[in-house]
PDB file of N, CA and C in Angstrom:
ATOM      1  N   MET A   1     -36.115 -20.351 -39.084  1.00  0.00           N
ATOM      2  CA  MET A   1     -35.927 -19.016 -39.540  1.00  0.00           C
ATOM      3  C   MET A   1     -35.258 -18.192 -38.433  1.00  0.00           C
ATOM      4  N   ARG A   2     -34.249 -17.496 -38.812  1.00  0.00           N
ATOM      5  CA  ARG A   2     -33.506 -16.690 -37.852  1.00  0.00           C
ATOM      6  C   ARG A   2     -34.136 -15.319 -37.700  1.00  0.00           C
ATOM      7  N   GLN A   3     -34.115 -14.882 -36.461  1.00  0.00           N
ATOM      8  CA  GLN A   3     -34.606 -13.528 -36.200  1.00  0.00           C
ATOM      9  C   GLN A   3     -33.450 -12.673 -35.704  1.00  0.00           C
ATOM     10  N   LYS A   4     -33.410 -11.474 -36.167  1.00  0.00           N
ATOM     11  CA  LYS A   4     -32.388 -10.548 -35.712  1.00  0.00           C
ATOM     12  C   LYS A   4     -32.838  -9.930 -34.391  1.00  0.00           C
ATOM     13  N   ILE A   5     -31.886  -9.883 -33.472  1.00  0.00           N
ATOM     14  CA  ILE A   5     -32.179  -9.254 -32.195  1.00  0.00           C
ATOM     15  C   ILE A   5     -31.893  -7.768 -32.353  1.00  0.00           C
ATOM     16  N   LYS A   6     -32.857  -6.969 -32.010  1.00  0.00           N
ATOM     17  CA  LYS A   6     -32.702  -5.528 -32.151  1.00  0.00           C
ATOM     18  C   LYS A   6     -32.398  -4.923 -30.783  1.00  0.00           C
ATOM     19  N   LEU A   7     -31.293  -4.231 -30.727  1.00  0.00           N
ATOM     20  CA  LEU A   7     -30.961  -3.480 -29.525  1.00  0.00           C
ATOM     21  C   LEU A   7     -31.355  -2.037 -29.784  1.00  0.00           C
ATOM     22  N   GLY A   8     -32.353  -1.616 -29.138  1.00  0.00           N
ATOM     23  CA  GLY A   8     -32.793  -0.243 -29.294  1.00  0.00           C
ATOM     24  C   GLY A   8     -31.943   0.679 -28.439  1.00  0.00           C
ATOM     25  N   ASN A   9     -32.426   1.856 -28.235  1.00  0.00           N
ATOM     26  CA  ASN A   9     -31.704   2.825 -27.416  1.00  0.00           C
ATOM     27  C   ASN A   9     -31.575   2.342 -25.968  1.00  0.00           C
ATOM     28  N   GLN A  10     -32.576   1.619 -25.489  1.00  0.00           N
ATOM     29  CA  GLN A  10     -32.507   1.126 -24.122  1.00  0.00           C
ATOM     30  C   GLN A  10     -31.365   0.130 -23.956  1.00  0.00           C
ATOM     31  N   GLY A  11     -31.134  -0.721 -24.889  1.00  0.00           N
ATOM     32  CA  GLY A  11     -30.047  -1.693 -24.818  1.00  0.00           C
ATOM     33  C   GLY A  11     -28.696  -1.024 -24.841  1.00  0.00           C
ATOM     34  N   PHE A  12     -28.548   0.006 -25.638  1.00  0.00           N
ATOM     35  CA  PHE A  12     -27.290   0.740 -25.702  1.00  0.00           C
ATOM     36  C   PHE A  12     -27.035   1.473 -24.395  1.00  0.00           C
ATOM     37  N   ILE A  13     -28.031   2.120 -23.876  1.00  0.00           N
ATOM     38  CA  ILE A  13     -27.871   2.884 -22.633  1.00  0.00           C
ATOM     39  C   ILE A  13     -27.551   1.939 -21.479  1.00  0.00           C
ATOM     40  N   LYS A  14     -28.248   0.808 -21.426  1.00  0.00           N
ATOM     41  CA  LYS A  14     -28.006  -0.157 -20.362  1.00  0.00           C
ATOM     42  C   LYS A  14     -26.575  -0.705 -20.457  1.00  0.00           C
ATOM     43  N   GLY A  15     -26.136  -1.038 -21.642  1.00  0.00           N
ATOM     44  CA  GLY A  15     -24.781  -1.536 -21.839  1.00  0.00           C
ATOM     45  C   GLY A  15     -23.730  -0.504 -21.482  1.00  0.00           C
ATOM     46  N   PHE A  16     -23.959   0.733 -21.897  1.00  0.00           N
ATOM     47  CA  PHE A  16     -23.027   1.814 -21.586  1.00  0.00           C
ATOM     48  C   PHE A  16     -22.974   2.058 -20.085  1.00  0.00           C
ATOM     49  N   PHE A  17     -24.117   2.034 -19.424  1.00  0.00           N
ATOM     50  CA  PHE A  17     -24.169   2.240 -17.982  1.00  0.00           C
ATOM     51  C   PHE A  17     -23.416   1.119 -17.248  1.00  0.00           C
ATOM     52  N   MET A  18     -23.617  -0.117 -17.667  1.00  0.00           N
ATOM     53  CA  MET A  18     -22.926  -1.241 -17.034  1.00  0.00           C
ATOM     54  C   MET A  18     -21.406  -1.150 -17.235  1.00  0.00           C
ATOM     55  N   LEU A  19     -20.985  -0.749 -18.423  1.00  0.00           N
ATOM     56  CA  LEU A  19     -19.564  -0.583 -18.691  1.00  0.00           C
ATOM     57  C   LEU A  19     -18.978   0.532 -17.818  1.00  0.00           C
ATOM     58  N   ALA A  20     -19.681   1.647 -17.721  1.00  0.00           N
ATOM     59  CA  ALA A  20     -19.214   2.758 -16.887  1.00  0.00           C
ATOM     60  C   ALA A  20     -19.150   2.342 -15.418  1.00  0.00           C
ATOM     61  N   LEU A  21     -20.116   1.558 -14.975  1.00  0.00           N
ATOM     62  CA  LEU A  21     -20.123   1.081 -13.596  1.00  0.00           C
ATOM     63  C   LEU A  21     -18.934   0.170 -13.328  1.00  0.00           C
ATOM     64  N   LEU A  22     -18.638  -0.739 -14.240  1.00  0.00           N
ATOM     65  CA  LEU A  22     -17.488  -1.631 -14.081  1.00  0.00           C
ATOM     66  C   LEU A  22     -16.169  -0.869 -14.082  1.00  0.00           C
ATOM     67  N   VAL A  23     -16.048   0.127 -14.930  1.00  0.00           N
ATOM     68  CA  VAL A  23     -14.836   0.944 -14.970  1.00  0.00           C
ATOM     69  C   VAL A  23     -14.690   1.710 -13.653  1.00  0.00           C
ATOM     70  N   GLY A  24     -15.786   2.237 -13.128  1.00  0.00           N
ATOM     71  CA  GLY A  24     -15.746   2.954 -11.855  1.00  0.00           C
ATOM     72  C   GLY A  24     -15.337   2.061 -10.700  1.00  0.00           C
ATOM     73  N   ILE A  25     -15.851   0.850 -10.675  1.00  0.00           N
ATOM     74  CA  ILE A  25     -15.490  -0.094  -9.619  1.00  0.00           C
ATOM     75  C   ILE A  25     -14.014  -0.475  -9.728  1.00  0.00           C
ATOM     76  N   ALA A  26     -13.532  -0.700 -10.938  1.00  0.00           N
ATOM     77  CA  ALA A  26     -12.120  -1.050 -11.134  1.00  0.00           C
ATOM     78  C   ALA A  26     -11.215   0.115 -10.710  1.00  0.00           C
ATOM     79  N   TYR A  27     -11.582   1.337 -11.057  1.00  0.00           N
ATOM     80  CA  TYR A  27     -10.796   2.520 -10.692  1.00  0.00           C
ATOM     81  C   TYR A  27     -10.724   2.662  -9.170  1.00  0.00           C
ATOM     82  N   THR A  28     -11.865   2.492  -8.498  1.00  0.00           N
ATOM     83  CA  THR A  28     -11.906   2.598  -7.045  1.00  0.00           C
ATOM     84  C   THR A  28     -11.057   1.515  -6.391  1.00  0.00           C
ATOM     85  N   ALA A  29     -11.139   0.296  -6.908  1.00  0.00           N
ATOM     86  CA  ALA A  29     -10.346  -0.801  -6.358  1.00  0.00           C
ATOM     87  C   ALA A  29      -8.850  -0.543  -6.522  1.00  0.00           C
ATOM     88  N   ILE A  30      -8.456   0.000  -7.650  1.00  0.00           N
ATOM     89  CA  ILE A  30      -7.042   0.290  -7.884  1.00  0.00           C
ATOM     90  C   ILE A  30      -6.565   1.413  -6.965  1.00  0.00           C
ATOM     91  N   MET A  31      -7.374   2.464  -6.824  1.00  0.00           N
ATOM     92  CA  MET A  31      -6.977   3.597  -5.991  1.00  0.00           C
ATOM     93  C   MET A  31      -6.873   3.205  -4.512  1.00  0.00           C
ATOM     94  N   PHE A  32      -7.783   2.374  -4.024  1.00  0.00           N
ATOM     95  CA  PHE A  32      -7.722   1.940  -2.632  1.00  0.00           C
ATOM     96  C   PHE A  32      -6.742   0.794  -2.432  1.00  0.00           C
ATOM     97  N   GLY A  33      -6.456   0.030  -3.451  1.00  0.00           N
ATOM     98  CA  GLY A  33      -5.543  -1.101  -3.328  1.00  0.00           C
ATOM     99  C   GLY A  33      -4.082  -0.702  -3.352  1.00  0.00           C
ATOM    100  N   ALA A  34      -3.751   0.399  -4.011  1.00  0.00           N
ATOM    101  CA  ALA A  34      -2.355   0.808  -4.147  1.00  0.00           C
ATOM    102  C   ALA A  34      -1.675   1.070  -2.798  1.00  0.00           C
ATOM    103  N   PRO A  35      -2.287   1.805  -1.853  1.00  0.00           N
ATOM    104  CA  PRO A  35      -1.608   2.001  -0.564  1.00  0.00           C
ATOM    105  C   PRO A  35      -1.387   0.699   0.203  1.00  0.00           C
ATOM    106  N   TYR A  36      -2.328  -0.231   0.129  1.00  0.00           N
ATOM    107  CA  TYR A  36      -2.164  -1.512   0.815  1.00  0.00           C
ATOM    108  C   TYR A  36      -1.074  -2.348   0.147  1.00  0.00           C
ATOM    109  N   PHE A  37      -0.956  -2.246  -1.161  1.00  0.00           N
ATOM    110  CA  PHE A  37       0.116  -2.941  -1.871  1.00  0.00           C
ATOM    111  C   PHE A  37       1.473  -2.389  -1.439  1.00  0.00           C
ATOM    112  N   ARG A  38       1.582  -1.043  -1.341  1.00  0.00           N
ATOM    113  CA  ARG A  38       2.837  -0.434  -0.896  1.00  0.00           C
ATOM    114  C   ARG A  38       3.164  -0.827   0.547  1.00  0.00           C
ATOM    115  N   TYR A  39       2.137  -0.903   1.405  1.00  0.00           N
ATOM    116  CA  TYR A  39       2.344  -1.323   2.794  1.00  0.00           C
ATOM    117  C   TYR A  39       2.907  -2.742   2.847  1.00  0.00           C
ATOM    118  N   ASN A  40       2.291  -3.653   2.138  1.00  0.00           N
ATOM    119  CA  ASN A  40       2.757  -5.049   2.152  1.00  0.00           C
ATOM    120  C   ASN A  40       4.149  -5.188   1.546  1.00  0.00           C
ATOM    121  N   THR A  41       4.443  -4.430   0.515  1.00  0.00           N
ATOM    122  CA  THR A  41       5.763  -4.479  -0.103  1.00  0.00           C
ATOM    123  C   THR A  41       6.823  -3.939   0.848  1.00  0.00           C
ATOM    124  N   LEU A  42       6.541  -2.819   1.524  1.00  0.00           N
ATOM    125  CA  LEU A  42       7.506  -2.264   2.478  1.00  0.00           C
ATOM    126  C   LEU A  42       7.714  -3.225   3.642  1.00  0.00           C
ATOM    127  N   ARG A  43       6.662  -3.852   4.083  1.00  0.00           N
ATOM    128  CA  ARG A  43       6.771  -4.824   5.183  1.00  0.00           C
ATOM    129  C   ARG A  43       7.668  -5.999   4.755  1.00  0.00           C
ATOM    130  N   SER A  44       7.473  -6.495   3.553  1.00  0.00           N
ATOM    131  CA  SER A  44       8.286  -7.596   3.044  1.00  0.00           C
ATOM    132  C   SER A  44       9.747  -7.181   2.894  1.00  0.00           C
ATOM    133  N   HIS A  45       9.988  -5.991   2.360  1.00  0.00           N
ATOM    134  CA  HIS A  45      11.363  -5.524   2.185  1.00  0.00           C
ATOM    135  C   HIS A  45      12.037  -5.293   3.534  1.00  0.00           C
ATOM    136  N   THR A  46      11.269  -4.846   4.529  1.00  0.00           N
ATOM    137  CA  THR A  46      11.830  -4.658   5.861  1.00  0.00           C
ATOM    138  C   THR A  46      12.248  -5.998   6.462  1.00  0.00           C
ATOM    139  N   LYS A  47      11.428  -7.015   6.271  1.00  0.00           N
ATOM    140  CA  LYS A  47      11.806  -8.360   6.740  1.00  0.00           C
ATOM    141  C   LYS A  47      13.084  -8.831   6.061  1.00  0.00           C
ATOM    142  N   ASP A  48      13.204  -8.562   4.761  1.00  0.00           N
ATOM    143  CA  ASP A  48      14.412  -8.956   4.031  1.00  0.00           C
ATOM    144  C   ASP A  48      15.642  -8.210   4.552  1.00  0.00           C
ATOM    145  N   ILE A  49      15.494  -6.918   4.832  1.00  0.00           N
ATOM    146  CA  ILE A  49      16.614  -6.126   5.357  1.00  0.00           C
ATOM    147  C   ILE A  49      17.036  -6.661   6.715  1.00  0.00           C
ATOM    148  N   LEU A  50      16.067  -6.978   7.575  1.00  0.00           N
ATOM    149  CA  LEU A  50      16.391  -7.491   8.902  1.00  0.00           C
ATOM    150  C   LEU A  50      17.028  -8.879   8.835  1.00  0.00           C
ATOM    151  N   ALA A  51      16.656  -9.670   7.838  1.00  0.00           N
ATOM    152  CA  ALA A  51      17.226 -11.007   7.702  1.00  0.00           C
ATOM    153  C   ALA A  51      18.705 -10.955   7.349  1.00  0.00           C
ATOM    154  N   VAL A  52      19.112  -9.932   6.643  1.00  0.00           N
ATOM    155  CA  VAL A  52      20.504  -9.808   6.217  1.00  0.00           C
ATOM    156  C   VAL A  52      21.376  -9.193   7.317  1.00  0.00           C
ATOM    157  N   GLU A  53      20.803  -8.312   8.115  1.00  0.00           N
ATOM    158  CA  GLU A  53      21.563  -7.585   9.127  1.00  0.00           C
ATOM    159  C   GLU A  53      21.770  -8.419  10.385  1.00  0.00           C
ATOM    160  N   THR A  54      22.825  -8.071  11.110  1.00  0.00           N
ATOM    161  CA  THR A  54      23.078  -8.699  12.408  1.00  0.00           C
ATOM    162  C   THR A  54      22.458  -7.821  13.497  1.00  0.00           C
ATOM    163  N   PRO A  55      21.951  -8.429  14.557  1.00  0.00           N
ATOM    164  CA  PRO A  55      21.325  -7.641  15.625  1.00  0.00           C
ATOM    165  C   PRO A  55      22.353  -6.928  16.504  1.00  0.00           C
ATOM    166  N   ASN A  56      22.909  -5.856  15.986  1.00  0.00           N
ATOM    167  CA  ASN A  56      23.917  -5.065  16.672  1.00  0.00           C
ATOM    168  C   ASN A  56      23.350  -3.668  16.904  1.00  0.00           C
ATOM    169  N   PRO A  57      23.328  -3.182  18.144  1.00  0.00           N
ATOM    170  CA  PRO A  57      22.759  -1.839  18.401  1.00  0.00           C
ATOM    171  C   PRO A  57      23.483  -0.714  17.647  1.00  0.00           C
ATOM    172  N   ASP A  58      24.736  -0.920  17.292  1.00  0.00           N
ATOM    173  CA  ASP A  58      25.464   0.108  16.540  1.00  0.00           C
ATOM    174  C   ASP A  58      24.971   0.223  15.096  1.00  0.00           C
ATOM    175  N   ARG A  59      24.309  -0.808  14.588  1.00  0.00           N
ATOM    176  CA  ARG A  59      23.837  -0.828  13.203  1.00  0.00           C
ATOM    177  C   ARG A  59      22.425  -0.248  13.047  1.00  0.00           C
ATOM    178  N   ILE A  60      21.778   0.122  14.157  1.00  0.00           N
ATOM    179  CA  ILE A  60      20.391   0.609  14.082  1.00  0.00           C
ATOM    180  C   ILE A  60      20.232   1.808  13.147  1.00  0.00           C
ATOM    181  N   PRO A  61      21.100   2.848  13.227  1.00  0.00           N
ATOM    182  CA  PRO A  61      20.912   3.973  12.285  1.00  0.00           C
ATOM    183  C   PRO A  61      21.046   3.572  10.813  1.00  0.00           C
ATOM    184  N   ALA A  62      21.958   2.658  10.513  1.00  0.00           N
ATOM    185  CA  ALA A  62      22.138   2.218   9.122  1.00  0.00           C
ATOM    186  C   ALA A  62      20.932   1.420   8.641  1.00  0.00           C
ATOM    187  N   ILE A  63      20.383   0.572   9.515  1.00  0.00           N
ATOM    188  CA  ILE A  63      19.212  -0.224   9.146  1.00  0.00           C
ATOM    189  C   ILE A  63      18.004   0.692   8.934  1.00  0.00           C
ATOM    190  N   LYS A  64      17.832   1.666   9.821  1.00  0.00           N
ATOM    191  CA  LYS A  64      16.726   2.618   9.660  1.00  0.00           C
ATOM    192  C   LYS A  64      16.863   3.396   8.354  1.00  0.00           C
ATOM    193  N   ALA A  65      18.106   3.749   7.995  1.00  0.00           N
ATOM    194  CA  ALA A  65      18.336   4.472   6.737  1.00  0.00           C
ATOM    195  C   ALA A  65      17.946   3.616   5.538  1.00  0.00           C
ATOM    196  N   LYS A  66      18.261   2.312   5.597  1.00  0.00           N
ATOM    197  CA  LYS A  66      17.871   1.411   4.501  1.00  0.00           C
ATOM    198  C   LYS A  66      16.351   1.303   4.383  1.00  0.00           C
ATOM    199  N   ILE A  67      15.681   1.206   5.528  1.00  0.00           N
ATOM    200  CA  ILE A  67      14.218   1.102   5.503  1.00  0.00           C
ATOM    201  C   ILE A  67      13.602   2.384   4.964  1.00  0.00           C
ATOM    202  N   LEU A  68      14.124   3.534   5.374  1.00  0.00           N
ATOM    203  CA  LEU A  68      13.608   4.811   4.856  1.00  0.00           C
ATOM    204  C   LEU A  68      13.886   4.956   3.360  1.00  0.00           C
ATOM    205  N   GLU A  69      15.023   4.442   2.912  1.00  0.00           N
ATOM    206  CA  GLU A  69      15.336   4.468   1.474  1.00  0.00           C
ATOM    207  C   GLU A  69      14.334   3.617   0.687  1.00  0.00           C
ATOM    208  N   GLU A  70      13.986   2.463   1.229  1.00  0.00           N
ATOM    209  CA  GLU A  70      12.960   1.624   0.591  1.00  0.00           C
ATOM    210  C   GLU A  70      11.614   2.331   0.568  1.00  0.00           C
ATOM    211  N   ALA A  71      11.297   3.025   1.649  1.00  0.00           N
ATOM    212  CA  ALA A  71      10.023   3.755   1.708  1.00  0.00           C
ATOM    213  C   ALA A  71       9.969   4.840   0.632  1.00  0.00           C
ATOM    214  N   VAL A  72      11.077   5.524   0.426  1.00  0.00           N
ATOM    215  CA  VAL A  72      11.121   6.554  -0.624  1.00  0.00           C
ATOM    216  C   VAL A  72      10.966   5.906  -1.994  1.00  0.00           C
ATOM    217  N   THR A  73      11.623   4.777  -2.198  1.00  0.00           N
ATOM    218  CA  THR A  73      11.527   4.070  -3.474  1.00  0.00           C
ATOM    219  C   THR A  73      10.094   3.637  -3.764  1.00  0.00           C
ATOM    220  N   LEU A  74       9.391   3.179  -2.721  1.00  0.00           N
ATOM    221  CA  LEU A  74       8.006   2.711  -2.888  1.00  0.00           C
ATOM    222  C   LEU A  74       6.981   3.836  -2.790  1.00  0.00           C
ATOM    223  N   LYS A  75       7.449   5.070  -2.551  1.00  0.00           N
ATOM    224  CA  LYS A  75       6.578   6.247  -2.414  1.00  0.00           C
ATOM    225  C   LYS A  75       5.643   6.124  -1.208  1.00  0.00           C
ATOM    226  N   VAL A  76       6.198   5.599  -0.119  1.00  0.00           N
ATOM    227  CA  VAL A  76       5.473   5.519   1.150  1.00  0.00           C
ATOM    228  C   VAL A  76       5.843   6.759   1.963  1.00  0.00           C
ATOM    229  N   PRO A  77       4.872   7.526   2.442  1.00  0.00           N
ATOM    230  CA  PRO A  77       5.177   8.754   3.188  1.00  0.00           C
ATOM    231  C   PRO A  77       5.597   8.461   4.636  1.00  0.00           C
ATOM    232  N   LEU A  78       6.730   7.829   4.802  1.00  0.00           N
ATOM    233  CA  LEU A  78       7.241   7.456   6.124  1.00  0.00           C
ATOM    234  C   LEU A  78       8.373   8.400   6.486  1.00  0.00           C
ATOM    235  N   SER A  79       8.293   8.997   7.672  1.00  0.00           N
ATOM    236  CA  SER A  79       9.352   9.900   8.128  1.00  0.00           C
ATOM    237  C   SER A  79      10.196   9.193   9.184  1.00  0.00           C
ATOM    238  N   ALA A  80      11.368   9.724   9.434  1.00  0.00           N
ATOM    239  CA  ALA A  80      12.282   9.116  10.407  1.00  0.00           C
ATOM    240  C   ALA A  80      11.694   9.162  11.818  1.00  0.00           C
ATOM    241  N   GLY A  81      10.885  10.162  12.107  1.00  0.00           N
ATOM    242  CA  GLY A  81      10.271  10.263  13.422  1.00  0.00           C
ATOM    243  C   GLY A  81       9.220   9.199  13.689  1.00  0.00           C
ATOM    244  N   ASN A  82       8.651   8.629  12.633  1.00  0.00           N
ATOM    245  CA  ASN A  82       7.619   7.603  12.774  1.00  0.00           C
ATOM    246  C   ASN A  82       8.167   6.190  12.612  1.00  0.00           C
ATOM    247  N   LEU A  83       9.490   6.052  12.620  1.00  0.00           N
ATOM    248  CA  LEU A  83      10.134   4.749  12.467  1.00  0.00           C
ATOM    249  C   LEU A  83      10.966   4.470  13.716  1.00  0.00           C
ATOM    250  N   ASP A  84      10.608   3.418  14.442  1.00  0.00           N
ATOM    251  CA  ASP A  84      11.322   3.031  15.654  1.00  0.00           C
ATOM    252  C   ASP A  84      11.905   1.638  15.472  1.00  0.00           C
ATOM    253  N   MET A  85      13.126   1.472  15.975  1.00  0.00           N
ATOM    254  CA  MET A  85      13.755   0.159  15.898  1.00  0.00           C
ATOM    255  C   MET A  85      14.432  -0.137  17.221  1.00  0.00           C
ATOM    256  N   THR A  86      14.204  -1.352  17.720  1.00  0.00           N
ATOM    257  CA  THR A  86      14.838  -1.779  18.963  1.00  0.00           C
ATOM    258  C   THR A  86      15.351  -3.205  18.800  1.00  0.00           C
ATOM    259  N   ILE A  87      16.282  -3.556  19.675  1.00  0.00           N
ATOM    260  CA  ILE A  87      16.790  -4.922  19.742  1.00  0.00           C
ATOM    261  C   ILE A  87      16.600  -5.375  21.183  1.00  0.00           C
ATOM    262  N   ASN A  88      15.834  -6.442  21.367  1.00  0.00           N
ATOM    263  CA  ASN A  88      15.567  -6.881  22.739  1.00  0.00           C
ATOM    264  C   ASN A  88      16.684  -7.796  23.247  1.00  0.00           C
ATOM    265  N   THR A  89      16.534  -8.292  24.457  1.00  0.00           N
ATOM    266  CA  THR A  89      17.603  -9.070  25.101  1.00  0.00           C
ATOM    267  C   THR A  89      17.875 -10.402  24.412  1.00  0.00           C
ATOM    268  N   SER A  90      16.900 -10.945  23.722  1.00  0.00           N
ATOM    269  CA  SER A  90      17.125 -12.215  23.014  1.00  0.00           C
ATOM    270  C   SER A  90      17.553 -11.987  21.563  1.00  0.00           C
ATOM    271  N   LYS A  91      18.091 -10.810  21.271  1.00  0.00           N
ATOM    272  CA  LYS A  91      18.642 -10.464  19.953  1.00  0.00           C
ATOM    273  C   LYS A  91      17.589 -10.504  18.834  1.00  0.00           C
ATOM    274  N   VAL A  92      16.374 -10.121  19.159  1.00  0.00           N
ATOM    275  CA  VAL A  92      15.314 -10.013  18.153  1.00  0.00           C
ATOM    276  C   VAL A  92      15.182  -8.543  17.778  1.00  0.00           C
ATOM    277  N   MET A  93      15.269  -8.250  16.483  1.00  0.00           N
ATOM    278  CA  MET A  93      15.128  -6.875  16.002  1.00  0.00           C
ATOM    279  C   MET A  93      13.646  -6.585  15.781  1.00  0.00           C
ATOM    280  N   ILE A  94      13.184  -5.460  16.306  1.00  0.00           N
ATOM    281  CA  ILE A  94      11.778  -5.069  16.201  1.00  0.00           C
ATOM    282  C   ILE A  94      11.711  -3.700  15.535  1.00  0.00           C
ATOM    283  N   VAL A  95      10.960  -3.629  14.445  1.00  0.00           N
ATOM    284  CA  VAL A  95      10.769  -2.373  13.719  1.00  0.00           C
ATOM    285  C   VAL A  95       9.288  -2.026  13.777  1.00  0.00           C
ATOM    286  N   LYS A  96       9.001  -0.795  14.209  1.00  0.00           N
ATOM    287  CA  LYS A  96       7.629  -0.294  14.243  1.00  0.00           C
ATOM    288  C   LYS A  96       7.583   1.014  13.469  1.00  0.00           C
ATOM    289  N   ALA A  97       6.575   1.128  12.620  1.00  0.00           N
ATOM    290  CA  ALA A  97       6.430   2.333  11.804  1.00  0.00           C
ATOM    291  C   ALA A  97       4.959   2.697  11.692  1.00  0.00           C
ATOM    292  N   ARG A  98       4.688   4.002  11.565  1.00  0.00           N
ATOM    293  CA  ARG A  98       3.323   4.514  11.406  1.00  0.00           C
ATOM    294  C   ARG A  98       3.329   5.594  10.335  1.00  0.00           C
ATOM    295  N   TRP A  99       2.298   5.559   9.492  1.00  0.00           N
ATOM    296  CA  TRP A  99       2.112   6.614   8.506  1.00  0.00           C
ATOM    297  C   TRP A  99       0.669   6.619   8.031  1.00  0.00           C
ATOM    298  N   SER A 100       0.311   7.675   7.349  1.00  0.00           N
ATOM    299  CA  SER A 100      -1.044   7.825   6.809  1.00  0.00           C
ATOM    300  C   SER A 100      -0.951   8.226   5.344  1.00  0.00           C
ATOM    301  N   GLU A 101      -1.909   7.761   4.582  1.00  0.00           N
ATOM    302  CA  GLU A 101      -2.028   8.160   3.177  1.00  0.00           C
ATOM    303  C   GLU A 101      -3.462   8.586   2.922  1.00  0.00           C
ATOM    304  N   VAL A 102      -3.629   9.527   2.019  1.00  0.00           N
ATOM    305  CA  VAL A 102      -4.963   9.985   1.651  1.00  0.00           C
ATOM    306  C   VAL A 102      -5.275   9.472   0.252  1.00  0.00           C
ATOM    307  N   VAL A 103      -6.377   8.728   0.140  1.00  0.00           N
ATOM    308  CA  VAL A 103      -6.837   8.233  -1.153  1.00  0.00           C
ATOM    309  C   VAL A 103      -7.854   9.232  -1.674  1.00  0.00           C
ATOM    310  N   ASN A 104      -7.598   9.766  -2.863  1.00  0.00           N
ATOM    311  CA  ASN A 104      -8.460  10.790  -3.433  1.00  0.00           C
ATOM    312  C   ASN A 104      -9.082  10.250  -4.721  1.00  0.00           C
ATOM    313  N   LEU A 105     -10.390  10.189  -4.755  1.00  0.00           N
ATOM    314  CA  LEU A 105     -11.102   9.708  -5.941  1.00  0.00           C
ATOM    315  C   LEU A 105     -11.620  10.898  -6.739  1.00  0.00           C
ATOM    316  N   MET A 106     -10.790  11.405  -7.616  1.00  0.00           N
ATOM    317  CA  MET A 106     -11.126  12.489  -8.550  1.00  0.00           C
ATOM    318  C   MET A 106     -11.759  13.692  -7.856  1.00  0.00           C
ATOM    319  N   ASP A 107     -11.268  14.055  -6.703  1.00  0.00           N
ATOM    320  CA  ASP A 107     -11.707  15.211  -5.910  1.00  0.00           C
ATOM    321  C   ASP A 107     -13.173  15.151  -5.486  1.00  0.00           C
ATOM    322  N   TYR A 108     -13.830  14.003  -5.619  1.00  0.00           N
ATOM    323  CA  TYR A 108     -15.208  13.856  -5.146  1.00  0.00           C
ATOM    324  C   TYR A 108     -15.248  13.221  -3.769  1.00  0.00           C
ATOM    325  N   TYR A 109     -14.298  12.345  -3.491  1.00  0.00           N
ATOM    326  CA  TYR A 109     -14.264  11.626  -2.224  1.00  0.00           C
ATOM    327  C   TYR A 109     -12.820  11.382  -1.845  1.00  0.00           C
ATOM    328  N   SER A 110     -12.486  11.669  -0.610  1.00  0.00           N
ATOM    329  CA  SER A 110     -11.142  11.363  -0.136  1.00  0.00           C
ATOM    330  C   SER A 110     -11.251  10.692   1.231  1.00  0.00           C
ATOM    331  N   LYS A 111     -10.322   9.790   1.464  1.00  0.00           N
ATOM    332  CA  LYS A 111     -10.327   9.002   2.700  1.00  0.00           C
ATOM    333  C   LYS A 111      -8.904   8.881   3.193  1.00  0.00           C
ATOM    334  N   LYS A 112      -8.709   9.136   4.483  1.00  0.00           N
ATOM    335  CA  LYS A 112      -7.401   8.983   5.102  1.00  0.00           C
ATOM    336  C   LYS A 112      -7.266   7.543   5.591  1.00  0.00           C
ATOM    337  N   VAL A 113      -6.182   6.885   5.192  1.00  0.00           N
ATOM    338  CA  VAL A 113      -5.933   5.498   5.563  1.00  0.00           C
ATOM    339  C   VAL A 113      -4.670   5.474   6.433  1.00  0.00           C
ATOM    340  N   ASP A 114      -4.789   4.944   7.646  1.00  0.00           N
ATOM    341  CA  ASP A 114      -3.672   4.861   8.576  1.00  0.00           C
ATOM    342  C   ASP A 114      -3.042   3.476   8.527  1.00  0.00           C
ATOM    343  N   PHE A 115      -1.712   3.429   8.573  1.00  0.00           N
ATOM    344  CA  PHE A 115      -0.985   2.176   8.538  1.00  0.00           C
ATOM    345  C   PHE A 115      -0.070   2.071   9.747  1.00  0.00           C
ATOM    346  N   GLU A 116       0.033   0.866  10.298  1.00  0.00           N
ATOM    347  CA  GLU A 116       0.988   0.546  11.360  1.00  0.00           C
ATOM    348  C   GLU A 116       1.720  -0.728  10.960  1.00  0.00           C
ATOM    349  N   MET A 117       3.036  -0.630  10.894  1.00  0.00           N
ATOM    350  CA  MET A 117       3.843  -1.778  10.528  1.00  0.00           C
ATOM    351  C   MET A 117       4.607  -2.249  11.752  1.00  0.00           C
ATOM    352  N   ASP A 118       4.576  -3.521  12.030  1.00  0.00           N
ATOM    353  CA  ASP A 118       5.276  -4.107  13.167  1.00  0.00           C
ATOM    354  C   ASP A 118       5.970  -5.372  12.669  1.00  0.00           C
ATOM    355  N   VAL A 119       7.298  -5.304  12.546  1.00  0.00           N
ATOM    356  CA  VAL A 119       8.063  -6.423  11.995  1.00  0.00           C
ATOM    357  C   VAL A 119       9.104  -6.861  13.021  1.00  0.00           C
ATOM    358  N   GLU A 120       9.161  -8.164  13.230  1.00  0.00           N
ATOM    359  CA  GLU A 120      10.186  -8.740  14.128  1.00  0.00           C
ATOM    360  C   GLU A 120      11.004  -9.763  13.356  1.00  0.00           C
ATOM    361  N   TYR A 121      12.308  -9.749  13.639  1.00  0.00           N
ATOM    362  CA  TYR A 121      13.166 -10.787  13.042  1.00  0.00           C
ATOM    363  C   TYR A 121      14.296 -11.072  13.989  1.00  0.00           C
TER     364      TYR A 121
END
């Protein structure tokens, strides 16, 4: 004989609470993951830009402009003052960049996240 399982008000509340908790965790993960995703993407694109360019000191302003253009495309708050590029004696191009982003969780909690990018090619 089959018995019907009855979910009373407690079962509904518990289920609703668990669903709300999972949605909150997913929202937080997405909000904190987005800046790190942009950081990794900009780092990868910078490596690609350096792979195509020749290590010529005259090309440094053009390369920096390309990197800043990528940063704007990816919505990374990187300014020209926080982007340094050098070419050492063994013709290795070194790009260093610093920026900060603020993660805001529905105006209840905000956290400043600092990023430092160091790419050599």
